[in-house]
Amino acid sequence: MASFMSYFGGRRDPKSSARDAIVTLRQQLQMIEKKEEYLQKKIDEELAKAKQNAVSNKAVATAALRRKKASEAELDRLAGTRLQLEMQVNTLESANLNAETMAAMKKGADALKTIHGNMTMDKVDATMNAVNEQRELANEIADTISNPIYGDMLDEDELKNELAELEQDALNDRLMDAEHVPVHLPPGATKVQERQQPQQETEEEAELRELQASLAM
């Protein structure tokens, strides 16, 4: 029924038609190859028969050579037919590949068209401008939030006065600490005192000896 409809112009799938044609051509090529094998075998047999009868029976040898020539001519015709079929198969396969490639590309183009929809460059530019504006607004908001609320309410003169008072208190504390620090003699004075120390120890020893002497009396 399908072949009947196709014969009268029924619509068929181009891909299916191409595959069917390629399959049919390859089947025909297989038949030709088998025929070529048969003819080549026949040619070899006739040649062998002609050699066997070349001396003893020339008529048989001549008939074998005629059959051999006929088989060779048919083999040549089949070789030409096989070449045409192979070229047609290659052409169909290439055309089928091109058709499938174009179908895939069209499908991809349709998908891109669906993805883009009503998108235009003007809309893209407008969207990007809106994004940039919102980004700038977000940065301004972040800067505002990060600054102290009371930053602009402070009196600069009041801050300077308070800082001056803190500096004066620090100086006063340093002066008070300086009054309680022990006085350190210069290195020279220390050396004189160290030299006088042995003399004081000698006088004490002298007094001790005098006391011991008085007790002894």
N, C-alpha and C. Protein backbone atom coordinates (compact mmCIF):
# COMPACT_ATOMS: atom_id res chain seq x y z
N MET A 1 0.83 -1.21 0.00
CA MET A 1 0.00 0.00 0.00
C MET A 1 0.86 1.26 0.00
N ALA A 2 1.95 1.18 0.76
CA ALA A 2 2.84 2.35 0.81
C ALA A 2 3.49 2.58 -0.54
N SER A 3 3.92 1.48 -1.20
CA SER A 3 4.53 1.64 -2.51
C SER A 3 3.52 2.14 -3.52
N PHE A 4 2.25 1.72 -3.38
CA PHE A 4 1.20 2.17 -4.27
C PHE A 4 0.97 3.67 -4.13
N MET A 5 0.97 4.17 -2.86
CA MET A 5 0.79 5.60 -2.62
C MET A 5 1.97 6.40 -3.10
N SER A 6 3.16 5.86 -2.92
CA SER A 6 4.34 6.57 -3.38
C SER A 6 4.38 6.63 -4.90
N TYR A 7 3.84 5.61 -5.56
CA TYR A 7 3.84 5.59 -7.01
C TYR A 7 2.94 6.69 -7.55
N PHE A 8 1.85 6.97 -6.84
CA PHE A 8 0.92 8.01 -7.28
C PHE A 8 1.19 9.35 -6.61
N GLY A 9 2.39 9.54 -6.15
CA GLY A 9 2.76 10.86 -5.64
C GLY A 9 2.55 11.02 -4.16
N GLY A 10 2.40 9.91 -3.44
CA GLY A 10 2.29 10.02 -1.99
C GLY A 10 3.54 10.60 -1.38
N ARG A 11 3.39 11.34 -0.30
CA ARG A 11 4.52 12.01 0.34
C ARG A 11 5.28 11.03 1.22
N ARG A 12 6.60 11.00 1.06
CA ARG A 12 7.44 10.11 1.86
C ARG A 12 8.53 10.92 2.53
N ASP A 13 9.06 10.34 3.58
CA ASP A 13 10.14 10.99 4.31
C ASP A 13 11.40 10.99 3.45
N PRO A 14 12.01 12.17 3.20
CA PRO A 14 13.23 12.21 2.37
C PRO A 14 14.35 11.37 2.95
N LYS A 15 14.50 11.37 4.27
CA LYS A 15 15.56 10.58 4.89
C LYS A 15 15.33 9.09 4.64
N SER A 16 14.08 8.67 4.78
CA SER A 16 13.77 7.26 4.55
C SER A 16 14.00 6.90 3.09
N SER A 17 13.62 7.79 2.19
CA SER A 17 13.83 7.54 0.77
C SER A 17 15.32 7.41 0.45
N ALA A 18 16.12 8.29 1.01
CA ALA A 18 17.56 8.22 0.76
C ALA A 18 18.15 6.92 1.29
N ARG A 19 17.74 6.53 2.50
CA ARG A 19 18.24 5.28 3.05
C ARG A 19 17.82 4.08 2.22
N ASP A 20 16.56 4.07 1.77
CA ASP A 20 16.08 2.96 0.94
C ASP A 20 16.86 2.88 -0.37
N ALA A 21 17.13 4.04 -0.96
CA ALA A 21 17.87 4.05 -2.22
C ALA A 21 19.29 3.54 -2.02
N ILE A 22 19.93 3.95 -0.92
CA ILE A 22 21.30 3.49 -0.65
C ILE A 22 21.32 1.99 -0.42
N VAL A 23 20.34 1.49 0.33
CA VAL A 23 20.27 0.05 0.59
C VAL A 23 20.08 -0.71 -0.71
N THR A 24 19.19 -0.23 -1.58
CA THR A 24 18.95 -0.90 -2.86
C THR A 24 20.19 -0.91 -3.73
N LEU A 25 20.89 0.21 -3.78
CA LEU A 25 22.11 0.29 -4.58
C LEU A 25 23.18 -0.66 -4.04
N ARG A 26 23.32 -0.74 -2.76
CA ARG A 26 24.33 -1.64 -2.18
C ARG A 26 23.96 -3.11 -2.43
N GLN A 27 22.70 -3.42 -2.39
CA GLN A 27 22.29 -4.79 -2.73
C GLN A 27 22.61 -5.11 -4.19
N GLN A 28 22.41 -4.14 -5.05
CA GLN A 28 22.75 -4.35 -6.46
C GLN A 28 24.25 -4.51 -6.65
N LEU A 29 25.02 -3.76 -5.88
CA LEU A 29 26.48 -3.90 -5.94
C LEU A 29 26.91 -5.30 -5.50
N GLN A 30 26.28 -5.82 -4.48
CA GLN A 30 26.61 -7.17 -4.04
C GLN A 30 26.31 -8.21 -5.13
N MET A 31 25.20 -8.02 -5.82
CA MET A 31 24.86 -8.93 -6.92
C MET A 31 25.89 -8.84 -8.04
N ILE A 32 26.32 -7.63 -8.35
CA ILE A 32 27.32 -7.46 -9.41
C ILE A 32 28.65 -8.09 -9.00
N GLU A 33 29.03 -7.91 -7.73
CA GLU A 33 30.28 -8.52 -7.27
C GLU A 33 30.22 -10.05 -7.38
N LYS A 34 29.10 -10.63 -7.02
CA LYS A 34 28.96 -12.09 -7.16
C LYS A 34 29.04 -12.50 -8.63
N LYS A 35 28.38 -11.71 -9.50
CA LYS A 35 28.45 -12.00 -10.93
C LYS A 35 29.87 -11.89 -11.45
N GLU A 36 30.61 -10.91 -10.96
CA GLU A 36 32.01 -10.76 -11.39
C GLU A 36 32.85 -11.94 -10.93
N GLU A 37 32.62 -12.39 -9.71
CA GLU A 37 33.35 -13.57 -9.23
C GLU A 37 33.04 -14.79 -10.11
N TYR A 38 31.78 -14.96 -10.48
CA TYR A 38 31.39 -16.10 -11.33
C TYR A 38 32.07 -15.99 -12.70
N LEU A 39 32.05 -14.80 -13.31
CA LEU A 39 32.66 -14.63 -14.62
C LEU A 39 34.17 -14.82 -14.57
N GLN A 40 34.81 -14.32 -13.51
CA GLN A 40 36.25 -14.52 -13.41
C GLN A 40 36.60 -15.99 -13.28
N LYS A 41 35.81 -16.72 -12.54
CA LYS A 41 36.03 -18.16 -12.42
C LYS A 41 35.82 -18.86 -13.76
N LYS A 42 34.79 -18.45 -14.50
CA LYS A 42 34.52 -19.02 -15.82
C LYS A 42 35.65 -18.71 -16.80
N ILE A 43 36.17 -17.50 -16.73
CA ILE A 43 37.29 -17.12 -17.60
C ILE A 43 38.51 -17.98 -17.32
N ASP A 44 38.79 -18.21 -16.05
CA ASP A 44 39.93 -19.05 -15.69
C ASP A 44 39.72 -20.49 -16.18
N GLU A 45 38.49 -20.99 -16.09
CA GLU A 45 38.21 -22.36 -16.55
C GLU A 45 38.35 -22.48 -18.07
N GLU A 46 37.83 -21.53 -18.79
CA GLU A 46 37.93 -21.57 -20.26
C GLU A 46 39.38 -21.43 -20.71
N LEU A 47 40.14 -20.62 -20.00
CA LEU A 47 41.55 -20.48 -20.35
C LEU A 47 42.29 -21.79 -20.11
N ALA A 48 41.98 -22.46 -19.02
CA ALA A 48 42.62 -23.74 -18.74
C ALA A 48 42.22 -24.79 -19.78
N LYS A 49 40.95 -24.78 -20.18
CA LYS A 49 40.50 -25.74 -21.21
C LYS A 49 41.19 -25.46 -22.54
N ALA A 50 41.37 -24.19 -22.87
CA ALA A 50 42.03 -23.86 -24.13
C ALA A 50 43.49 -24.31 -24.12
N LYS A 51 44.15 -24.17 -22.99
CA LYS A 51 45.54 -24.62 -22.91
C LYS A 51 45.63 -26.15 -23.06
N GLN A 52 44.68 -26.84 -22.46
CA GLN A 52 44.73 -28.31 -22.52
C GLN A 52 44.53 -28.84 -23.95
N ASN A 53 43.71 -28.12 -24.72
CA ASN A 53 43.36 -28.60 -26.07
C ASN A 53 44.04 -27.79 -27.17
N ALA A 54 44.97 -27.01 -26.84
CA ALA A 54 45.61 -26.18 -27.85
C ALA A 54 46.33 -27.01 -28.91
N VAL A 55 46.84 -28.18 -28.55
CA VAL A 55 47.60 -29.02 -29.48
C VAL A 55 46.73 -30.20 -29.97
N SER A 56 46.06 -30.82 -29.06
CA SER A 56 45.31 -32.04 -29.40
C SER A 56 43.99 -31.76 -30.09
N ASN A 57 43.29 -30.67 -29.73
CA ASN A 57 41.97 -30.39 -30.29
C ASN A 57 41.80 -28.88 -30.39
N LYS A 58 42.16 -28.37 -31.55
CA LYS A 58 42.15 -26.92 -31.75
C LYS A 58 40.73 -26.36 -31.76
N ALA A 59 39.77 -27.14 -32.23
CA ALA A 59 38.39 -26.64 -32.27
C ALA A 59 37.87 -26.41 -30.85
N VAL A 60 38.11 -27.33 -29.98
CA VAL A 60 37.69 -27.16 -28.57
C VAL A 60 38.42 -25.99 -27.93
N ALA A 61 39.71 -25.87 -28.24
CA ALA A 61 40.48 -24.77 -27.67
C ALA A 61 39.98 -23.43 -28.18
N THR A 62 39.62 -23.39 -29.47
CA THR A 62 39.11 -22.13 -30.05
C THR A 62 37.78 -21.76 -29.43
N ALA A 63 36.89 -22.73 -29.25
CA ALA A 63 35.59 -22.45 -28.63
C ALA A 63 35.77 -21.96 -27.19
N ALA A 64 36.70 -22.53 -26.47
CA ALA A 64 36.96 -22.09 -25.10
C ALA A 64 37.45 -20.65 -25.07
N LEU A 65 38.31 -20.31 -26.05
CA LEU A 65 38.82 -18.94 -26.10
C LEU A 65 37.69 -17.96 -26.43
N ARG A 66 36.75 -18.37 -27.32
CA ARG A 66 35.62 -17.50 -27.64
C ARG A 66 34.75 -17.25 -26.40
N ARG A 67 34.45 -18.31 -25.66
CA ARG A 67 33.67 -18.15 -24.43
C ARG A 67 34.43 -17.27 -23.42
N LYS A 68 35.74 -17.45 -23.38
CA LYS A 68 36.56 -16.63 -22.48
C LYS A 68 36.46 -15.16 -22.87
N LYS A 69 36.54 -14.85 -24.16
CA LYS A 69 36.44 -13.46 -24.61
C LYS A 69 35.07 -12.87 -24.29
N ALA A 70 34.03 -13.68 -24.47
CA ALA A 70 32.69 -13.19 -24.16
C ALA A 70 32.55 -12.90 -22.66
N SER A 71 33.07 -13.78 -21.85
CA SER A 71 33.00 -13.55 -20.39
C SER A 71 33.80 -12.32 -19.99
N GLU A 72 34.94 -12.10 -20.61
CA GLU A 72 35.76 -10.91 -20.32
C GLU A 72 35.03 -9.63 -20.71
N ALA A 73 34.32 -9.67 -21.86
CA ALA A 73 33.57 -8.49 -22.28
C ALA A 73 32.44 -8.19 -21.29
N GLU A 74 31.74 -9.23 -20.87
CA GLU A 74 30.68 -9.03 -19.88
C GLU A 74 31.24 -8.56 -18.56
N LEU A 75 32.42 -9.07 -18.18
CA LEU A 75 33.06 -8.64 -16.94
C LEU A 75 33.42 -7.16 -17.00
N ASP A 76 33.87 -6.71 -18.17
CA ASP A 76 34.18 -5.29 -18.34
C ASP A 76 32.92 -4.43 -18.20
N ARG A 77 31.81 -4.90 -18.80
CA ARG A 77 30.56 -4.14 -18.68
C ARG A 77 30.11 -4.07 -17.22
N LEU A 78 30.25 -5.18 -16.52
CA LEU A 78 29.87 -5.17 -15.10
C LEU A 78 30.75 -4.24 -14.28
N ALA A 79 32.02 -4.17 -14.63
CA ALA A 79 32.92 -3.27 -13.92
C ALA A 79 32.49 -1.82 -14.10
N GLY A 80 32.06 -1.46 -15.33
CA GLY A 80 31.56 -0.11 -15.56
C GLY A 80 30.28 0.16 -14.80
N THR A 81 29.39 -0.85 -14.80
CA THR A 81 28.13 -0.69 -14.05
C THR A 81 28.40 -0.54 -12.56
N ARG A 82 29.31 -1.34 -12.04
CA ARG A 82 29.64 -1.27 -10.62
C ARG A 82 30.21 0.10 -10.26
N LEU A 83 31.03 0.64 -11.13
CA LEU A 83 31.60 1.97 -10.88
C LEU A 83 30.50 3.02 -10.81
N GLN A 84 29.51 2.94 -11.73
CA GLN A 84 28.41 3.91 -11.72
C GLN A 84 27.59 3.79 -10.44
N LEU A 85 27.33 2.55 -10.03
CA LEU A 85 26.56 2.35 -8.80
C LEU A 85 27.31 2.88 -7.58
N GLU A 86 28.61 2.63 -7.52
CA GLU A 86 29.40 3.11 -6.38
C GLU A 86 29.40 4.63 -6.33
N MET A 87 29.52 5.27 -7.49
CA MET A 87 29.48 6.73 -7.54
C MET A 87 28.12 7.26 -7.07
N GLN A 88 27.05 6.55 -7.48
CA GLN A 88 25.71 6.98 -7.07
C GLN A 88 25.51 6.81 -5.56
N VAL A 89 26.04 5.70 -5.03
CA VAL A 89 25.95 5.50 -3.58
C VAL A 89 26.69 6.60 -2.83
N ASN A 90 27.89 6.93 -3.29
CA ASN A 90 28.66 7.99 -2.64
C ASN A 90 27.93 9.33 -2.74
N THR A 91 27.31 9.59 -3.90
CA THR A 91 26.59 10.85 -4.07
C THR A 91 25.39 10.92 -3.13
N LEU A 92 24.65 9.79 -3.04
CA LEU A 92 23.49 9.76 -2.14
C LEU A 92 23.90 9.92 -0.69
N GLU A 93 24.96 9.23 -0.29
CA GLU A 93 25.42 9.34 1.09
C GLU A 93 25.87 10.76 1.40
N SER A 94 26.57 11.39 0.47
CA SER A 94 27.00 12.76 0.68
C SER A 94 25.81 13.71 0.75
N ALA A 95 24.83 13.50 -0.16
CA ALA A 95 23.64 14.35 -0.15
C ALA A 95 22.84 14.14 1.13
N ASN A 96 22.76 12.90 1.56
CA ASN A 96 22.02 12.62 2.80
C ASN A 96 22.71 13.27 3.99
N LEU A 97 24.04 13.21 4.01
CA LEU A 97 24.78 13.85 5.10
C LEU A 97 24.58 15.36 5.08
N ASN A 98 24.60 15.94 3.88
CA ASN A 98 24.36 17.39 3.77
C ASN A 98 22.96 17.76 4.24
N ALA A 99 21.97 16.92 3.87
CA ALA A 99 20.60 17.22 4.28
C ALA A 99 20.46 17.13 5.80
N GLU A 100 21.07 16.12 6.40
CA GLU A 100 21.00 15.99 7.86
C GLU A 100 21.73 17.13 8.54
N THR A 101 22.86 17.55 7.95
CA THR A 101 23.60 18.68 8.52
C THR A 101 22.77 19.96 8.47
N MET A 102 22.13 20.19 7.32
CA MET A 102 21.30 21.38 7.20
C MET A 102 20.11 21.33 8.15
N ALA A 103 19.53 20.12 8.32
CA ALA A 103 18.41 19.99 9.25
C ALA A 103 18.85 20.30 10.68
N ALA A 104 20.05 19.81 11.04
CA ALA A 104 20.57 20.08 12.38
C ALA A 104 20.84 21.57 12.57
N MET A 105 21.41 22.20 11.53
CA MET A 105 21.69 23.64 11.63
C MET A 105 20.39 24.45 11.72
N LYS A 106 19.37 24.03 10.96
CA LYS A 106 18.09 24.73 11.04
C LYS A 106 17.47 24.56 12.42
N LYS A 107 17.59 23.35 12.97
CA LYS A 107 17.06 23.11 14.31
C LYS A 107 17.77 23.99 15.33
N GLY A 108 19.09 24.10 15.18
CA GLY A 108 19.84 24.97 16.09
C GLY A 108 19.45 26.43 15.93
N ALA A 109 19.24 26.87 14.67
CA ALA A 109 18.82 28.25 14.44
C ALA A 109 17.45 28.52 15.04
N ASP A 110 16.55 27.55 14.91
CA ASP A 110 15.22 27.72 15.50
C ASP A 110 15.30 27.79 17.03
N ALA A 111 16.20 26.98 17.60
CA ALA A 111 16.37 27.02 19.06
C ALA A 111 16.91 28.38 19.50
N LEU A 112 17.87 28.91 18.77
CA LEU A 112 18.40 30.24 19.10
C LEU A 112 17.32 31.31 18.96
N LYS A 113 16.51 31.16 17.92
CA LYS A 113 15.43 32.13 17.72
C LYS A 113 14.45 32.08 18.88
N THR A 114 14.15 30.87 19.34
CA THR A 114 13.23 30.73 20.47
C THR A 114 13.84 31.33 21.74
N ILE A 115 15.15 31.08 21.94
CA ILE A 115 15.83 31.60 23.13
C ILE A 115 15.84 33.13 23.12
N HIS A 116 16.17 33.69 21.97
CA HIS A 116 16.25 35.15 21.90
C HIS A 116 14.87 35.79 21.94
N GLY A 117 13.87 35.10 21.34
CA GLY A 117 12.51 35.64 21.38
C GLY A 117 12.44 37.02 20.75
N ASN A 118 11.91 37.96 21.51
CA ASN A 118 11.78 39.35 21.03
C ASN A 118 12.98 40.20 21.42
N MET A 119 14.07 39.57 21.75
CA MET A 119 15.24 40.31 22.18
C MET A 119 15.87 41.06 20.99
N THR A 120 16.17 42.33 21.22
CA THR A 120 16.87 43.15 20.22
C THR A 120 18.03 43.86 20.89
N MET A 121 18.91 44.43 20.06
CA MET A 121 20.07 45.12 20.61
C MET A 121 19.65 46.34 21.42
N ASP A 122 18.58 47.00 20.99
CA ASP A 122 18.09 48.16 21.78
C ASP A 122 17.64 47.72 23.16
N LYS A 123 16.94 46.59 23.20
CA LYS A 123 16.50 46.09 24.51
C LYS A 123 17.68 45.65 25.36
N VAL A 124 18.68 45.04 24.71
CA VAL A 124 19.87 44.63 25.46
C VAL A 124 20.59 45.85 26.04
N ASP A 125 20.76 46.90 25.21
CA ASP A 125 21.42 48.11 25.69
C ASP A 125 20.64 48.74 26.84
N ALA A 126 19.31 48.77 26.69
CA ALA A 126 18.49 49.36 27.75
C ALA A 126 18.62 48.56 29.04
N THR A 127 18.63 47.23 28.91
CA THR A 127 18.78 46.38 30.10
C THR A 127 20.12 46.60 30.77
N MET A 128 21.19 46.67 29.98
CA MET A 128 22.52 46.87 30.55
C MET A 128 22.62 48.24 31.21
N ASN A 129 22.01 49.27 30.62
CA ASN A 129 22.02 50.59 31.26
C ASN A 129 21.29 50.56 32.60
N ALA A 130 20.16 49.84 32.62
CA ALA A 130 19.43 49.72 33.88
C ALA A 130 20.25 48.98 34.92
N VAL A 131 20.95 47.93 34.48
CA VAL A 131 21.80 47.19 35.42
C VAL A 131 22.89 48.08 35.98
N ASN A 132 23.53 48.88 35.11
CA ASN A 132 24.59 49.78 35.58
C ASN A 132 24.04 50.83 36.54
N GLU A 133 22.87 51.35 36.25
CA GLU A 133 22.27 52.34 37.15
C GLU A 133 21.98 51.74 38.52
N GLN A 134 21.44 50.55 38.51
CA GLN A 134 21.15 49.89 39.79
C GLN A 134 22.42 49.57 40.56
N ARG A 135 23.50 49.20 39.82
CA ARG A 135 24.77 48.92 40.49
C ARG A 135 25.32 50.19 41.14
N GLU A 136 25.26 51.32 40.42
CA GLU A 136 25.73 52.58 40.99
C GLU A 136 24.89 52.97 42.21
N LEU A 137 23.57 52.74 42.10
CA LEU A 137 22.71 53.05 43.24
C LEU A 137 23.05 52.19 44.45
N ALA A 138 23.32 50.91 44.20
CA ALA A 138 23.68 50.02 45.30
C ALA A 138 24.99 50.46 45.96
N ASN A 139 25.96 50.91 45.14
CA ASN A 139 27.22 51.39 45.71
C ASN A 139 27.01 52.65 46.56
N GLU A 140 26.17 53.54 46.07
CA GLU A 140 25.89 54.75 46.86
C GLU A 140 25.20 54.41 48.18
N ILE A 141 24.27 53.47 48.10
CA ILE A 141 23.59 53.06 49.34
C ILE A 141 24.57 52.44 50.32
N ALA A 142 25.48 51.59 49.80
CA ALA A 142 26.46 50.95 50.68
C ALA A 142 27.39 51.98 51.31
N ASP A 143 27.80 52.99 50.53
CA ASP A 143 28.66 54.05 51.09
C ASP A 143 27.93 54.83 52.18
N THR A 144 26.66 55.10 51.93
CA THR A 144 25.89 55.86 52.92
C THR A 144 25.71 55.07 54.21
N ILE A 145 25.45 53.77 54.07
CA ILE A 145 25.25 52.94 55.26
C ILE A 145 26.54 52.80 56.05
N SER A 146 27.69 52.73 55.36
CA SER A 146 28.96 52.52 56.05
C SER A 146 29.44 53.76 56.81
N ASN A 147 28.96 54.96 56.47
CA ASN A 147 29.38 56.17 57.18
C ASN A 147 28.58 56.32 58.46
N PRO A 148 29.21 56.82 59.58
CA PRO A 148 28.48 57.02 60.84
C PRO A 148 27.37 58.05 60.68
N ILE A 149 26.29 57.81 61.39
CA ILE A 149 25.14 58.72 61.29
C ILE A 149 25.49 60.10 61.85
N TYR A 150 26.33 60.13 62.91
CA TYR A 150 26.63 61.39 63.60
C TYR A 150 27.86 62.07 63.02
N GLY A 151 28.32 61.63 61.89
CA GLY A 151 29.57 62.19 61.35
C GLY A 151 29.46 63.67 61.06
N ASP A 152 28.35 64.12 60.48
CA ASP A 152 28.21 65.53 60.12
C ASP A 152 27.74 66.39 61.29
N MET A 153 27.31 65.76 62.39
CA MET A 153 26.79 66.51 63.52
C MET A 153 27.89 66.94 64.49
N LEU A 154 29.08 66.46 64.38
CA LEU A 154 30.15 66.81 65.31
C LEU A 154 30.69 68.20 65.03
N ASP A 155 31.03 68.93 66.13
CA ASP A 155 31.62 70.27 66.02
C ASP A 155 33.13 70.14 66.00
N GLU A 156 33.73 70.62 64.93
CA GLU A 156 35.18 70.50 64.80
C GLU A 156 35.90 71.29 65.88
N ASP A 157 35.44 72.50 66.24
CA ASP A 157 36.08 73.29 67.28
C ASP A 157 36.02 72.58 68.63
N GLU A 158 34.90 71.94 68.90
CA GLU A 158 34.78 71.22 70.16
C GLU A 158 35.77 70.06 70.23
N LEU A 159 35.94 69.38 69.09
CA LEU A 159 36.91 68.28 69.04
C LEU A 159 38.32 68.80 69.27
N LYS A 160 38.67 69.95 68.68
CA LYS A 160 40.01 70.51 68.86
C LYS A 160 40.25 70.90 70.32
N ASN A 161 39.26 71.49 70.95
CA ASN A 161 39.42 71.88 72.36
C ASN A 161 39.60 70.66 73.25
N GLU A 162 38.81 69.63 72.99
CA GLU A 162 38.94 68.42 73.80
C GLU A 162 40.30 67.78 73.61
N LEU A 163 40.80 67.82 72.38
CA LEU A 163 42.11 67.26 72.12
C LEU A 163 43.20 68.06 72.83
N ALA A 164 43.07 69.40 72.87
CA ALA A 164 44.05 70.23 73.56
C ALA A 164 44.05 69.92 75.06
N GLU A 165 42.87 69.72 75.65
CA GLU A 165 42.79 69.39 77.07
C GLU A 165 43.48 68.05 77.36
N LEU A 166 43.27 67.08 76.47
CA LEU A 166 43.92 65.78 76.67
C LEU A 166 45.44 65.90 76.59
N GLU A 167 45.91 66.73 75.68
CA GLU A 167 47.36 66.93 75.57
C GLU A 167 47.93 67.60 76.83
N GLN A 168 47.19 68.60 77.39
CA GLN A 168 47.66 69.28 78.60
C GLN A 168 47.68 68.31 79.78
N ASP A 169 46.65 67.46 79.89
CA ASP A 169 46.62 66.48 80.98
C ASP A 169 47.79 65.51 80.87
N ALA A 170 48.12 65.16 79.66
CA ALA A 170 49.23 64.24 79.47
C ALA A 170 50.54 64.88 79.89
N LEU A 171 50.72 66.19 79.58
CA LEU A 171 51.95 66.89 79.99
C LEU A 171 52.02 67.02 81.50
N ASN A 172 50.91 67.32 82.13
CA ASN A 172 50.90 67.44 83.59
C ASN A 172 51.27 66.11 84.25
N ASP A 173 50.74 65.02 83.71
CA ASP A 173 51.07 63.70 84.27
C ASP A 173 52.56 63.42 84.14
N ARG A 174 53.15 63.82 83.03
CA ARG A 174 54.58 63.59 82.86
C ARG A 174 55.41 64.40 83.84
N LEU A 175 54.98 65.66 84.11
CA LEU A 175 55.71 66.49 85.06
C LEU A 175 55.61 65.93 86.47
N MET A 176 54.46 65.44 86.86
CA MET A 176 54.29 64.87 88.19
C MET A 176 55.13 63.62 88.36
N ASP A 177 55.21 62.83 87.31
CA ASP A 177 56.05 61.63 87.38
C ASP A 177 57.52 62.00 87.48
N ALA A 178 57.91 63.11 86.87
CA ALA A 178 59.32 63.51 86.91
C ALA A 178 59.74 63.93 88.31
N GLU A 179 58.84 64.53 89.15
CA GLU A 179 59.21 64.97 90.49
C GLU A 179 59.53 63.79 91.40
N HIS A 180 58.95 62.64 91.20
CA HIS A 180 59.16 61.47 92.06
C HIS A 180 60.31 60.59 91.60
N VAL A 181 60.94 60.93 90.55
CA VAL A 181 62.06 60.11 90.06
C VAL A 181 63.30 60.42 90.88
N PRO A 182 64.05 59.45 91.44
CA PRO A 182 65.27 59.73 92.23
C PRO A 182 66.34 60.37 91.38
N VAL A 183 67.11 61.26 92.07
CA VAL A 183 68.17 61.99 91.36
C VAL A 183 69.36 61.07 91.21
N HIS A 184 69.86 60.95 90.07
CA HIS A 184 71.03 60.12 89.77
C HIS A 184 72.25 61.02 89.65
N LEU A 185 73.27 60.70 90.40
CA LEU A 185 74.50 61.49 90.34
C LEU A 185 75.23 61.21 89.04
N PRO A 186 75.99 62.18 88.59
CA PRO A 186 76.81 61.96 87.38
C PRO A 186 77.79 60.83 87.63
N PRO A 187 78.30 60.28 86.59
CA PRO A 187 79.28 59.18 86.74
C PRO A 187 80.49 59.57 87.55
N GLY A 188 80.97 60.83 87.46
CA GLY A 188 82.14 61.27 88.20
C GLY A 188 81.88 61.28 89.70
N ALA A 189 80.66 61.77 90.08
CA ALA A 189 80.34 61.83 91.50
C ALA A 189 80.23 60.43 92.08
N THR A 190 79.71 59.54 91.34
CA THR A 190 79.59 58.16 91.82
C THR A 190 80.95 57.57 92.09
N LYS A 191 81.88 57.89 91.21
CA LYS A 191 83.23 57.35 91.40
C LYS A 191 83.89 57.93 92.65
N VAL A 192 83.64 59.26 92.98
CA VAL A 192 84.25 59.85 94.17
C VAL A 192 83.69 59.18 95.42
N GLN A 193 82.35 58.95 95.39
CA GLN A 193 81.73 58.31 96.54
C GLN A 193 82.28 56.91 96.73
N GLU A 194 82.48 56.22 95.61
CA GLU A 194 83.03 54.87 95.72
C GLU A 194 84.46 54.91 96.27
N ARG A 195 85.20 56.01 95.97
CA ARG A 195 86.57 56.09 96.50
C ARG A 195 86.57 56.45 97.99
N GLN A 196 85.52 57.24 98.48
CA GLN A 196 85.47 57.61 99.89
C GLN A 196 85.03 56.47 100.77
N GLN A 197 84.31 55.48 100.15
CA GLN A 197 83.77 54.38 100.94
C GLN A 197 84.86 53.58 101.66
N PRO A 198 85.96 53.28 101.04
CA PRO A 198 87.01 52.54 101.78
C PRO A 198 87.57 53.34 102.96
N GLN A 199 87.62 54.73 102.82
CA GLN A 199 88.16 55.55 103.91
C GLN A 199 87.25 55.47 105.13
N GLN A 200 85.91 55.55 104.94
CA GLN A 200 85.00 55.45 106.08
C GLN A 200 85.15 54.11 106.77
N GLU A 201 85.28 53.04 106.02
CA GLU A 201 85.46 51.73 106.62
C GLU A 201 86.77 51.66 107.43
N THR A 202 87.79 52.37 107.01
CA THR A 202 89.08 52.37 107.74
C THR A 202 88.94 53.08 109.10
N GLU A 203 88.21 54.19 109.18
CA GLU A 203 87.99 54.91 110.44
C GLU A 203 87.21 54.04 111.41
N GLU A 204 86.23 53.31 110.92
CA GLU A 204 85.48 52.43 111.80
C GLU A 204 86.37 51.35 112.39
N GLU A 205 87.22 50.84 111.53
CA GLU A 205 88.15 49.83 112.06
C GLU A 205 89.09 50.44 113.13
N ALA A 206 89.44 51.69 112.88
CA ALA A 206 90.32 52.36 113.88
C ALA A 206 89.60 52.54 115.21
N GLU A 207 88.34 52.98 115.16
CA GLU A 207 87.56 53.14 116.38
C GLU A 207 87.37 51.81 117.08
N LEU A 208 87.17 50.75 116.28
CA LEU A 208 86.98 49.43 116.87
C LEU A 208 88.26 48.98 117.59
N ARG A 209 89.38 49.29 117.00
CA ARG A 209 90.64 48.90 117.65
C ARG A 209 90.86 49.69 118.95
N GLU A 210 90.52 50.97 118.91
CA GLU A 210 90.65 51.78 120.13
C GLU A 210 89.75 51.23 121.23
N LEU A 211 88.52 50.84 120.85
CA LEU A 211 87.62 50.31 121.85
C LEU A 211 88.16 48.98 122.41
N GLN A 212 88.68 48.15 121.55
CA GLN A 212 89.25 46.89 122.01
C GLN A 212 90.48 47.14 122.95
N ALA A 213 91.23 48.15 122.60
CA ALA A 213 92.42 48.46 123.44
C ALA A 213 92.03 48.97 124.83
N SER A 214 90.95 49.82 124.87
CA SER A 214 90.50 50.33 126.16
C SER A 214 89.94 49.22 127.04
N LEU A 215 89.27 48.29 126.45
CA LEU A 215 88.74 47.16 127.18
C LEU A 215 89.85 46.27 127.71
N ALA A 216 90.90 46.16 126.95
CA ALA A 216 92.03 45.32 127.35
C ALA A 216 92.73 45.93 128.59
N MET A 217 92.72 47.23 128.75
CA MET A 217 93.34 47.88 129.90
C MET A 217 92.47 47.61 131.12
